[in-house]
Amino acid sequence: MNQETAIEMLRSLITVALLVNTPIIGAAIIVGVVVSLLQAITSIQEPTLSFAPKLFAVGGVIIVGAPWMVRQLMQFTEFFMNKIPEMVR
């Protein structure tokens, strides 16, 4: 395996990992900020109050986005498997 192939595979791995995780992390951040704003406005300082909405939001994003996420991971796996003959040389 040459250096270019290794760099290309690592770049693809990082890109796919960020692409698949971004919607999940984004949903958690957005819901967390909204709940924090509501807590600040209403002066309710209950730390467990933000957990349930984040859980439901992240679960919803995973359920809705699962086909797309699996497709992205399968494409990366196919790309990786096609590079195996080049790594043996």
N, C-alpha and C. Protein backbone atom coordinates (compact mmCIF):
# COMPACT_ATOMS: atom_id res chain seq x y z
N MET A 1 0.85 -1.17 0.00
CA MET A 1 0.00 0.00 0.00
C MET A 1 0.90 1.23 0.00
N ASN A 2 0.61 2.14 -0.90
CA ASN A 2 1.41 3.36 -0.96
C ASN A 2 0.79 4.44 -0.07
N GLN A 3 1.51 5.51 0.06
CA GLN A 3 1.10 6.58 0.97
C GLN A 3 -0.17 7.27 0.48
N GLU A 4 -0.34 7.43 -0.81
CA GLU A 4 -1.52 8.09 -1.35
C GLU A 4 -2.80 7.31 -1.04
N THR A 5 -2.72 5.99 -1.16
CA THR A 5 -3.88 5.15 -0.87
C THR A 5 -4.25 5.24 0.61
N ALA A 6 -3.26 5.21 1.47
CA ALA A 6 -3.52 5.29 2.90
C ALA A 6 -4.14 6.63 3.27
N ILE A 7 -3.64 7.71 2.68
CA ILE A 7 -4.19 9.03 2.96
C ILE A 7 -5.61 9.15 2.43
N GLU A 8 -5.86 8.61 1.25
CA GLU A 8 -7.21 8.64 0.68
C GLU A 8 -8.20 7.86 1.54
N MET A 9 -7.78 6.70 2.04
CA MET A 9 -8.66 5.89 2.89
C MET A 9 -8.93 6.58 4.22
N LEU A 10 -7.91 7.18 4.81
CA LEU A 10 -8.09 7.90 6.07
C LEU A 10 -8.99 9.11 5.89
N ARG A 11 -8.80 9.83 4.80
CA ARG A 11 -9.65 10.99 4.52
C ARG A 11 -11.11 10.56 4.34
N SER A 12 -11.32 9.47 3.63
CA SER A 12 -12.69 8.96 3.44
C SER A 12 -13.30 8.51 4.75
N LEU A 13 -12.51 7.87 5.60
CA LEU A 13 -13.00 7.42 6.90
C LEU A 13 -13.44 8.59 7.75
N ILE A 14 -12.63 9.63 7.82
CA ILE A 14 -12.97 10.80 8.63
C ILE A 14 -14.18 11.52 8.06
N THR A 15 -14.25 11.63 6.73
CA THR A 15 -15.38 12.30 6.10
C THR A 15 -16.69 11.57 6.37
N VAL A 16 -16.69 10.27 6.22
CA VAL A 16 -17.91 9.48 6.45
C VAL A 16 -18.31 9.54 7.93
N ALA A 17 -17.35 9.44 8.83
CA ALA A 17 -17.66 9.50 10.26
C ALA A 17 -18.29 10.84 10.63
N LEU A 18 -17.72 11.93 10.13
CA LEU A 18 -18.29 13.25 10.41
C LEU A 18 -19.65 13.42 9.76
N LEU A 19 -19.80 12.93 8.55
CA LEU A 19 -21.05 13.06 7.82
C LEU A 19 -22.19 12.30 8.51
N VAL A 20 -21.89 11.13 9.02
CA VAL A 20 -22.92 10.31 9.66
C VAL A 20 -23.26 10.84 11.06
N ASN A 21 -22.28 11.37 11.78
CA ASN A 21 -22.51 11.83 13.15
C ASN A 21 -23.06 13.24 13.24
N THR A 22 -22.88 14.06 12.23
CA THR A 22 -23.30 15.46 12.29
C THR A 22 -24.79 15.66 12.56
N PRO A 23 -25.71 14.95 11.91
CA PRO A 23 -27.13 15.16 12.22
C PRO A 23 -27.49 14.82 13.67
N ILE A 24 -26.88 13.78 14.21
CA ILE A 24 -27.17 13.38 15.58
C ILE A 24 -26.68 14.43 16.56
N ILE A 25 -25.44 14.85 16.39
CA ILE A 25 -24.87 15.85 17.28
C ILE A 25 -25.58 17.19 17.11
N GLY A 26 -25.92 17.53 15.87
CA GLY A 26 -26.64 18.78 15.62
C GLY A 26 -28.00 18.82 16.30
N ALA A 27 -28.72 17.71 16.25
CA ALA A 27 -30.03 17.66 16.91
C ALA A 27 -29.87 17.82 18.42
N ALA A 28 -28.88 17.17 19.00
CA ALA A 28 -28.66 17.29 20.44
C ALA A 28 -28.28 18.71 20.83
N ILE A 29 -27.46 19.36 20.03
CA ILE A 29 -27.06 20.74 20.34
C ILE A 29 -28.23 21.69 20.23
N ILE A 30 -29.00 21.58 19.15
CA ILE A 30 -30.13 22.48 18.95
C ILE A 30 -31.17 22.31 20.05
N VAL A 31 -31.52 21.08 20.37
CA VAL A 31 -32.50 20.85 21.44
C VAL A 31 -31.95 21.32 22.78
N GLY A 32 -30.67 21.10 23.03
CA GLY A 32 -30.06 21.54 24.28
C GLY A 32 -30.10 23.05 24.44
N VAL A 33 -29.82 23.77 23.36
CA VAL A 33 -29.85 25.24 23.42
C VAL A 33 -31.27 25.74 23.63
N VAL A 34 -32.23 25.14 22.92
CA VAL A 34 -33.63 25.57 23.08
C VAL A 34 -34.12 25.31 24.50
N VAL A 35 -33.83 24.15 25.04
CA VAL A 35 -34.25 23.83 26.40
C VAL A 35 -33.55 24.74 27.41
N SER A 36 -32.29 25.03 27.19
CA SER A 36 -31.56 25.93 28.09
C SER A 36 -32.15 27.33 28.06
N LEU A 37 -32.52 27.79 26.87
CA LEU A 37 -33.16 29.10 26.78
C LEU A 37 -34.50 29.12 27.52
N LEU A 38 -35.28 28.06 27.34
CA LEU A 38 -36.56 27.99 28.04
C LEU A 38 -36.36 27.92 29.55
N GLN A 39 -35.34 27.21 30.00
CA GLN A 39 -35.06 27.15 31.43
C GLN A 39 -34.62 28.51 31.96
N ALA A 40 -33.84 29.23 31.18
CA ALA A 40 -33.39 30.56 31.61
C ALA A 40 -34.56 31.54 31.65
N ILE A 41 -35.45 31.45 30.69
CA ILE A 41 -36.60 32.36 30.66
C ILE A 41 -37.55 32.08 31.81
N THR A 42 -37.80 30.80 32.11
CA THR A 42 -38.76 30.44 33.16
C THR A 42 -38.13 30.27 34.53
N SER A 43 -36.82 30.41 34.63
CA SER A 43 -36.09 30.26 35.90
C SER A 43 -36.24 28.87 36.51
N ILE A 44 -36.49 27.88 35.68
CA ILE A 44 -36.53 26.49 36.15
C ILE A 44 -35.14 25.92 35.93
N GLN A 45 -34.45 25.57 36.98
CA GLN A 45 -33.08 25.08 36.88
C GLN A 45 -33.00 23.60 37.24
N GLU A 46 -33.76 22.80 36.55
CA GLU A 46 -33.77 21.36 36.78
C GLU A 46 -32.85 20.70 35.74
N PRO A 47 -31.74 20.10 36.18
CA PRO A 47 -30.80 19.53 35.19
C PRO A 47 -31.35 18.34 34.41
N THR A 48 -32.29 17.61 35.00
CA THR A 48 -32.83 16.44 34.30
C THR A 48 -33.86 16.82 33.24
N LEU A 49 -34.30 18.07 33.24
CA LEU A 49 -35.33 18.52 32.30
C LEU A 49 -34.83 18.50 30.86
N SER A 50 -33.54 18.70 30.65
CA SER A 50 -33.03 18.75 29.28
C SER A 50 -32.71 17.37 28.72
N PHE A 51 -32.69 16.36 29.57
CA PHE A 51 -32.30 15.02 29.11
C PHE A 51 -33.36 14.39 28.21
N ALA A 52 -34.61 14.40 28.61
CA ALA A 52 -35.66 13.73 27.85
C ALA A 52 -35.84 14.32 26.45
N PRO A 53 -35.91 15.66 26.28
CA PRO A 53 -36.05 16.17 24.91
C PRO A 53 -34.87 15.82 24.01
N LYS A 54 -33.65 15.85 24.58
CA LYS A 54 -32.48 15.46 23.79
C LYS A 54 -32.57 13.99 23.38
N LEU A 55 -32.99 13.16 24.31
CA LEU A 55 -33.12 11.73 24.03
C LEU A 55 -34.11 11.48 22.90
N PHE A 56 -35.26 12.14 22.96
CA PHE A 56 -36.27 11.96 21.92
C PHE A 56 -35.79 12.53 20.57
N ALA A 57 -35.12 13.67 20.60
CA ALA A 57 -34.63 14.27 19.36
C ALA A 57 -33.57 13.40 18.70
N VAL A 58 -32.62 12.93 19.49
CA VAL A 58 -31.57 12.08 18.93
C VAL A 58 -32.16 10.76 18.44
N GLY A 59 -33.08 10.19 19.20
CA GLY A 59 -33.74 8.96 18.76
C GLY A 59 -34.51 9.15 17.46
N GLY A 60 -35.20 10.29 17.34
CA GLY A 60 -35.94 10.58 16.12
C GLY A 60 -35.03 10.76 14.91
N VAL A 61 -33.91 11.45 15.13
CA VAL A 61 -32.95 11.64 14.03
C VAL A 61 -32.36 10.30 13.60
N ILE A 62 -32.06 9.44 14.56
CA ILE A 62 -31.51 8.13 14.21
C ILE A 62 -32.53 7.30 13.45
N ILE A 63 -33.79 7.32 13.89
CA ILE A 63 -34.83 6.54 13.22
C ILE A 63 -35.07 7.05 11.80
N VAL A 64 -35.19 8.37 11.67
CA VAL A 64 -35.47 8.96 10.35
C VAL A 64 -34.25 8.84 9.43
N GLY A 65 -33.06 9.04 9.98
CA GLY A 65 -31.87 9.05 9.15
C GLY A 65 -31.16 7.73 9.00
N ALA A 66 -31.67 6.68 9.61
CA ALA A 66 -30.99 5.38 9.58
C ALA A 66 -30.75 4.87 8.16
N PRO A 67 -31.72 4.92 7.25
CA PRO A 67 -31.44 4.41 5.89
C PRO A 67 -30.30 5.16 5.21
N TRP A 68 -30.28 6.47 5.36
CA TRP A 68 -29.20 7.26 4.77
C TRP A 68 -27.86 6.95 5.41
N MET A 69 -27.85 6.83 6.74
CA MET A 69 -26.60 6.52 7.46
C MET A 69 -26.05 5.16 7.05
N VAL A 70 -26.92 4.17 6.96
CA VAL A 70 -26.49 2.83 6.57
C VAL A 70 -25.98 2.84 5.13
N ARG A 71 -26.64 3.60 4.27
CA ARG A 71 -26.19 3.70 2.87
C ARG A 71 -24.78 4.30 2.80
N GLN A 72 -24.54 5.35 3.58
CA GLN A 72 -23.21 5.98 3.60
C GLN A 72 -22.15 5.00 4.10
N LEU A 73 -22.48 4.28 5.15
CA LEU A 73 -21.52 3.31 5.70
C LEU A 73 -21.28 2.15 4.74
N MET A 74 -22.31 1.73 4.03
CA MET A 74 -22.14 0.65 3.05
C MET A 74 -21.28 1.12 1.88
N GLN A 75 -21.46 2.36 1.43
CA GLN A 75 -20.63 2.87 0.35
C GLN A 75 -19.17 2.95 0.77
N PHE A 76 -18.93 3.36 2.02
CA PHE A 76 -17.55 3.40 2.50
C PHE A 76 -16.97 2.00 2.59
N THR A 77 -17.77 1.04 3.04
CA THR A 77 -17.29 -0.34 3.14
C THR A 77 -16.94 -0.89 1.76
N GLU A 78 -17.79 -0.61 0.78
CA GLU A 78 -17.49 -1.05 -0.58
C GLU A 78 -16.21 -0.40 -1.09
N PHE A 79 -16.04 0.88 -0.83
CA PHE A 79 -14.81 1.59 -1.22
C PHE A 79 -13.60 0.94 -0.57
N PHE A 80 -13.70 0.64 0.71
CA PHE A 80 -12.60 0.03 1.45
C PHE A 80 -12.29 -1.36 0.92
N MET A 81 -13.32 -2.16 0.65
CA MET A 81 -13.12 -3.51 0.13
C MET A 81 -12.50 -3.50 -1.26
N ASN A 82 -12.86 -2.49 -2.06
CA ASN A 82 -12.25 -2.39 -3.39
C ASN A 82 -10.79 -1.98 -3.34
N LYS A 83 -10.37 -1.37 -2.23
CA LYS A 83 -8.97 -0.95 -2.07
C LYS A 83 -8.07 -2.06 -1.52
N ILE A 84 -8.64 -3.17 -1.06
CA ILE A 84 -7.85 -4.25 -0.48
C ILE A 84 -6.84 -4.82 -1.48
N PRO A 85 -7.21 -5.07 -2.74
CA PRO A 85 -6.19 -5.58 -3.68
C PRO A 85 -5.01 -4.62 -3.85
N GLU A 86 -5.23 -3.33 -3.76
CA GLU A 86 -4.14 -2.37 -3.87
C GLU A 86 -3.24 -2.41 -2.64
N MET A 87 -3.80 -2.77 -1.48
CA MET A 87 -3.01 -2.80 -0.26
C MET A 87 -2.09 -4.01 -0.24
N VAL A 88 -2.46 -5.08 -0.93
CA VAL A 88 -1.66 -6.31 -0.92
C VAL A 88 -0.41 -6.15 -1.77
N ARG A 89 -0.47 -5.36 -2.80
CA ARG A 89 0.66 -5.19 -3.72
C ARG A 89 1.86 -4.61 -3.03
